[in-house]
Amino acid sequence: MNGEGCYNRAQEILKEGEVMKFITILACKILSFVGRLVGKGSSLPGAIALKLCPNILSRLTLPKDIVAVTGSNGKTSTVEMVARVLQKAGKQVVYNKEGSNQIEGVTTMLLNHATLGGKVKGDLVLLESDERFARLTFRHIKPTLFAVTNLYRDQLTRNGHPYRIYDAIYDAVKEIPDATLLLNADDPLVSNLASAGNKSIYFGMAKNDDSTSESDAVFQDAYYCPRCKGKMEYDYFHYTHLGRRHRFR
């Protein structure tokens, strides 16, 4: 490239705002490096990056396939198992293995895997997403597949009742109308997320030796059908409110 070409390219970069993207990604990488030296810093670099460039996630070039996983329990385990299976199949998987699953941690992870030009290097992005705040991430990153594991009473001082978390996840689903949902059919709250209108597929367990005719839960997290509001009737239970129902599919 001759001098005039370099000048024109520099003008394009300035015009497109690429300088701020470059600075933001570089700053995140440096802060992450320093954080690793002191044993901290999975979220702080991303938080600072979002201050420098609030739309940095929208300006990244991501792989075509983006999978997100959320739920009360099993997020980290599910993401780790899926990542290992894909890696053994020869895929380069970009995922938040540190478990920092809010938008700041996701930003740190993606910028650390990006070139200074903003291209995330990998065959697939695999995100563990916080069940309360996934919608904030999904405003910028649009998963092609969104898996929801389960909804339980969990961290009550932070999350409150599972119905509150259901509403938060439903709001996240509304941010990604083109995504396919992978839903736990044995959980009446999770399976009802299909009412958002997305293409949905389901997973679950058949009746087995550990299934029971009565729930072993002290507190029932999903007593009434989220769709018809009637009391749910079960053929069998796996655990708490998870099982086969015949009042709600």
Protein backbone atom coordinates (compact mmCIF):
# COMPACT_ATOMS: atom_id res chain seq x y z
CA MET A 1 0.00 0.00 0.00
CA ASN A 2 1.47 3.38 -1.03
CA GLY A 3 1.45 6.56 1.06
CA GLU A 4 -1.83 7.78 -0.36
CA GLY A 5 -3.45 4.41 0.29
CA CYS A 6 -2.25 4.43 3.91
CA TYR A 7 -3.62 7.94 4.36
CA ASN A 8 -6.99 6.95 2.90
CA ARG A 9 -7.17 3.88 5.14
CA ALA A 10 -6.33 6.00 8.17
CA GLN A 11 -9.14 8.36 7.25
CA GLU A 12 -11.55 5.42 6.94
CA ILE A 13 -10.55 4.13 10.37
CA LEU A 14 -11.08 7.53 11.95
CA LYS A 15 -14.40 7.97 10.17
CA GLU A 16 -15.67 4.55 11.21
CA GLY A 17 -14.71 5.05 14.83
CA GLU A 18 -12.32 2.12 14.64
CA VAL A 19 -9.78 3.90 16.83
CA MET A 20 -11.99 3.71 19.92
CA LYS A 21 -12.73 0.05 19.24
CA PHE A 22 -9.00 -0.62 18.94
CA ILE A 23 -8.23 1.29 22.15
CA THR A 24 -11.03 -0.47 24.04
CA ILE A 25 -9.94 -3.96 23.01
CA LEU A 26 -6.30 -3.19 23.76
CA ALA A 27 -7.17 -1.75 27.17
CA CYS A 28 -9.22 -4.83 28.04
CA LYS A 29 -6.38 -7.16 27.07
CA ILE A 30 -3.84 -5.21 29.14
CA LEU A 31 -6.13 -5.05 32.18
CA SER A 32 -6.87 -8.76 31.88
CA PHE A 33 -3.16 -9.56 31.76
CA VAL A 34 -2.52 -7.49 34.87
CA GLY A 35 -5.53 -9.08 36.56
CA ARG A 36 -4.22 -12.58 35.90
CA LEU A 37 -0.92 -11.65 37.52
CA VAL A 38 -2.69 -10.76 40.76
CA GLY A 39 -5.34 -13.47 40.52
CA LYS A 40 -8.29 -11.16 39.81
CA GLY A 41 -9.99 -9.37 36.99
CA SER A 42 -12.54 -11.51 35.12
CA SER A 43 -15.17 -8.72 35.17
CA LEU A 44 -13.33 -5.44 35.76
CA PRO A 45 -11.65 -5.24 32.31
CA GLY A 46 -15.03 -5.73 30.65
CA ALA A 47 -16.66 -3.13 32.88
CA ILE A 48 -14.01 -0.58 31.92
CA ALA A 49 -14.31 -1.54 28.24
CA LEU A 50 -18.06 -0.88 28.37
CA LYS A 51 -17.38 2.54 29.90
CA LEU A 52 -14.93 3.37 27.11
CA CYS A 53 -17.18 2.08 24.33
CA PRO A 54 -20.72 1.13 25.46
CA ASN A 55 -21.55 -0.59 22.17
CA ILE A 56 -18.29 -2.52 21.88
CA LEU A 57 -20.06 -5.90 21.86
CA SER A 58 -22.23 -4.86 18.91
CA ARG A 59 -19.10 -3.89 16.99
CA LEU A 60 -17.40 -7.26 17.22
CA THR A 61 -17.33 -9.74 14.35
CA LEU A 62 -18.53 -12.99 15.91
CA PRO A 63 -18.70 -16.59 14.66
CA LYS A 64 -21.99 -17.56 13.04
CA ASP A 65 -22.94 -19.98 15.82
CA ILE A 66 -23.53 -18.53 19.29
CA VAL A 67 -24.93 -20.73 22.07
CA ALA A 68 -26.06 -19.32 25.43
CA VAL A 69 -26.95 -21.32 28.55
CA THR A 70 -28.84 -20.05 31.60
CA GLY A 71 -30.93 -21.36 34.50
CA SER A 72 -30.86 -21.60 38.28
CA ASN A 73 -28.53 -24.61 38.41
CA GLY A 74 -26.17 -26.39 36.06
CA LYS A 75 -25.04 -23.50 33.87
CA THR A 76 -21.31 -23.85 34.45
CA SER A 77 -21.36 -27.65 34.31
CA THR A 78 -23.39 -27.67 31.10
CA VAL A 79 -21.14 -25.12 29.40
CA GLU A 80 -17.99 -26.96 30.47
CA MET A 81 -19.27 -30.33 29.22
CA VAL A 82 -20.44 -28.91 25.89
CA ALA A 83 -17.13 -27.08 25.43
CA ARG A 84 -15.12 -30.25 26.04
CA VAL A 85 -17.23 -32.31 23.64
CA LEU A 86 -16.85 -29.69 20.91
CA GLN A 87 -13.13 -29.29 21.55
CA LYS A 88 -12.61 -33.03 21.25
CA ALA A 89 -14.46 -32.82 17.94
CA GLY A 90 -11.83 -30.34 16.77
CA LYS A 91 -13.82 -27.14 17.22
CA GLN A 92 -12.29 -23.94 18.56
CA VAL A 93 -14.73 -22.90 21.28
CA VAL A 94 -14.73 -19.42 22.81
CA TYR A 95 -16.43 -19.59 26.23
CA ASN A 96 -16.37 -17.97 29.66
CA LYS A 97 -14.69 -20.81 31.53
CA GLU A 98 -14.07 -18.54 34.52
CA GLY A 99 -17.84 -18.52 35.07
CA SER A 100 -18.17 -14.73 35.02
CA ASN A 101 -21.57 -14.65 33.35
CA GLN A 102 -22.87 -11.08 33.50
CA ILE A 103 -22.30 -8.62 30.67
CA GLU A 104 -19.01 -7.35 32.12
CA GLY A 105 -17.52 -10.84 32.32
CA VAL A 106 -18.82 -11.75 28.86
CA THR A 107 -17.23 -8.57 27.48
CA THR A 108 -13.88 -9.43 29.06
CA MET A 109 -13.97 -12.92 27.59
CA LEU A 110 -14.91 -11.87 24.06
CA LEU A 111 -12.44 -8.98 23.84
CA ASN A 112 -9.63 -11.22 25.07
CA HIS A 113 -10.41 -13.63 22.22
CA ALA A 114 -10.71 -10.85 19.64
CA THR A 115 -8.12 -9.37 17.34
CA LEU A 116 -7.41 -5.67 17.77
CA GLY A 117 -9.69 -5.18 14.79
CA GLY A 118 -12.58 -6.80 16.64
CA LYS A 119 -12.81 -10.27 15.07
CA VAL A 120 -13.45 -13.01 17.63
CA LYS A 121 -11.38 -16.02 16.63
CA GLY A 122 -13.21 -19.33 16.98
CA ASP A 123 -15.71 -21.71 15.43
CA LEU A 124 -18.38 -21.09 18.05
CA VAL A 125 -19.13 -18.80 21.00
CA LEU A 126 -20.53 -20.56 24.08
CA LEU A 127 -21.89 -18.27 26.77
CA GLU A 128 -22.87 -18.97 30.33
CA SER A 129 -25.46 -16.25 30.95
CA ASP A 130 -26.74 -14.94 34.26
CA GLU A 131 -30.44 -15.74 34.55
CA ARG A 132 -31.39 -12.26 35.79
CA PHE A 133 -29.32 -10.19 33.38
CA ALA A 134 -29.07 -12.23 30.17
CA ARG A 135 -31.26 -9.64 28.46
CA LEU A 136 -28.50 -7.02 28.83
CA THR A 137 -26.03 -9.23 26.98
CA PHE A 138 -28.60 -10.21 24.34
CA ARG A 139 -29.17 -6.59 23.38
CA HIS A 140 -25.73 -6.74 21.78
CA ILE A 141 -25.09 -10.44 21.15
CA LYS A 142 -27.75 -12.57 19.48
CA PRO A 143 -27.45 -16.28 20.28
CA THR A 144 -28.57 -18.72 17.63
CA LEU A 145 -29.41 -21.27 20.36
CA PHE A 146 -30.52 -20.44 23.90
CA ALA A 147 -30.66 -23.31 26.42
CA VAL A 148 -32.45 -23.03 29.77
CA THR A 149 -31.65 -25.72 32.35
CA ASN A 150 -34.16 -25.25 35.19
CA LEU A 151 -35.71 -22.71 37.57
CA TYR A 152 -35.51 -23.18 41.35
CA ARG A 153 -35.48 -21.11 44.51
CA ASP A 154 -31.87 -20.05 44.46
CA GLN A 155 -30.08 -17.14 46.17
CA LEU A 156 -33.38 -15.83 47.51
CA THR A 157 -31.90 -12.57 48.78
CA ARG A 158 -30.73 -11.82 45.23
CA ASN A 159 -33.21 -13.53 42.95
CA GLY A 160 -36.43 -13.79 44.93
CA HIS A 161 -39.04 -16.26 43.68
CA PRO A 162 -38.48 -18.39 40.54
CA TYR A 163 -41.40 -16.62 38.86
CA ARG A 164 -39.37 -13.42 39.01
CA ILE A 165 -36.48 -15.17 37.28
CA TYR A 166 -38.89 -16.59 34.73
CA ASP A 167 -39.95 -13.04 33.85
CA ALA A 168 -36.30 -11.97 33.51
CA ILE A 169 -35.49 -14.87 31.18
CA TYR A 170 -38.66 -14.24 29.19
CA ASP A 171 -37.48 -10.65 28.67
CA ALA A 172 -34.14 -12.04 27.45
CA VAL A 173 -35.93 -14.32 24.98
CA LYS A 174 -37.83 -11.34 23.58
CA GLU A 175 -34.45 -9.79 22.67
CA ILE A 176 -33.63 -12.77 20.41
CA PRO A 177 -36.74 -13.64 18.35
CA ASP A 178 -34.68 -15.53 15.75
CA ALA A 179 -32.98 -17.82 18.27
CA THR A 180 -33.95 -21.45 18.78
CA LEU A 181 -34.80 -22.29 22.39
CA LEU A 182 -33.60 -25.53 24.00
CA LEU A 183 -35.91 -26.03 26.97
CA ASN A 184 -36.23 -28.46 29.87
CA ALA A 185 -39.56 -30.17 29.19
CA ASP A 186 -39.69 -31.51 32.77
CA ASP A 187 -39.74 -27.99 34.23
CA PRO A 188 -43.14 -26.30 33.75
CA LEU A 189 -41.68 -22.80 34.07
CA VAL A 190 -38.85 -23.39 31.62
CA SER A 191 -41.00 -25.17 29.03
CA ASN A 192 -43.50 -22.30 29.10
CA LEU A 193 -40.83 -19.97 27.67
CA ALA A 194 -41.91 -21.38 24.31
CA SER A 195 -44.91 -19.05 24.61
CA ALA A 196 -42.58 -16.24 23.50
CA GLY A 197 -43.01 -17.59 19.97
CA ASN A 198 -39.46 -18.77 19.21
CA LYS A 199 -38.77 -22.09 17.56
CA SER A 200 -38.38 -24.46 20.52
CA ILE A 201 -36.96 -27.92 21.07
CA TYR A 202 -37.02 -29.84 24.33
CA PHE A 203 -34.99 -32.20 26.49
CA GLY A 204 -36.04 -34.28 29.49
CA MET A 205 -35.88 -37.65 31.22
CA ALA A 206 -38.15 -40.67 31.00
CA LYS A 207 -39.53 -42.27 34.13
CA ASN A 208 -36.84 -44.24 35.95
CA ASP A 209 -36.19 -46.09 39.21
CA ASP A 210 -35.59 -42.81 41.04
CA SER A 211 -38.86 -41.22 39.93
CA THR A 212 -41.57 -40.81 42.58
CA SER A 213 -45.34 -40.45 42.66
CA GLU A 214 -45.10 -37.51 45.09
CA SER A 215 -42.73 -34.55 45.12
CA ASP A 216 -40.01 -34.61 47.78
CA ALA A 217 -39.91 -30.79 47.91
CA VAL A 218 -40.57 -28.91 51.14
CA PHE A 219 -41.49 -25.87 49.03
CA GLN A 220 -43.01 -26.37 45.60
CA ASP A 221 -41.49 -23.85 43.17
CA ALA A 222 -44.11 -24.39 40.48
CA TYR A 223 -47.44 -25.44 41.96
CA TYR A 224 -49.74 -23.99 39.31
CA CYS A 225 -49.58 -24.23 35.55
CA PRO A 226 -47.99 -21.01 34.21
CA ARG A 227 -50.28 -21.18 31.18
CA CYS A 228 -53.76 -22.17 32.41
CA LYS A 229 -53.14 -21.26 36.10
CA GLY A 230 -54.70 -24.55 37.23
CA LYS A 231 -53.08 -26.82 39.79
CA MET A 232 -50.70 -29.14 37.97
CA GLU A 233 -51.22 -32.88 38.12
CA TYR A 234 -48.22 -35.16 37.71
CA ASP A 235 -47.75 -38.70 36.46
CA TYR A 236 -44.40 -38.79 38.28
CA PHE A 237 -41.70 -36.54 39.71
CA HIS A 238 -37.95 -36.56 39.18
CA TYR A 239 -37.02 -33.85 41.66
CA THR A 240 -39.07 -31.10 43.33
CA HIS A 241 -41.34 -29.73 40.55
CA LEU A 242 -39.54 -31.48 37.69
CA GLY A 243 -41.42 -34.39 36.15
CA ARG A 244 -44.15 -35.48 33.77
CA ARG A 245 -47.34 -33.42 33.94
CA HIS A 246 -50.64 -34.03 32.19
CA ARG A 247 -52.19 -30.61 32.76
CA PHE A 248 -49.45 -28.73 30.93
CA ARG A 249 -47.04 -30.00 28.27
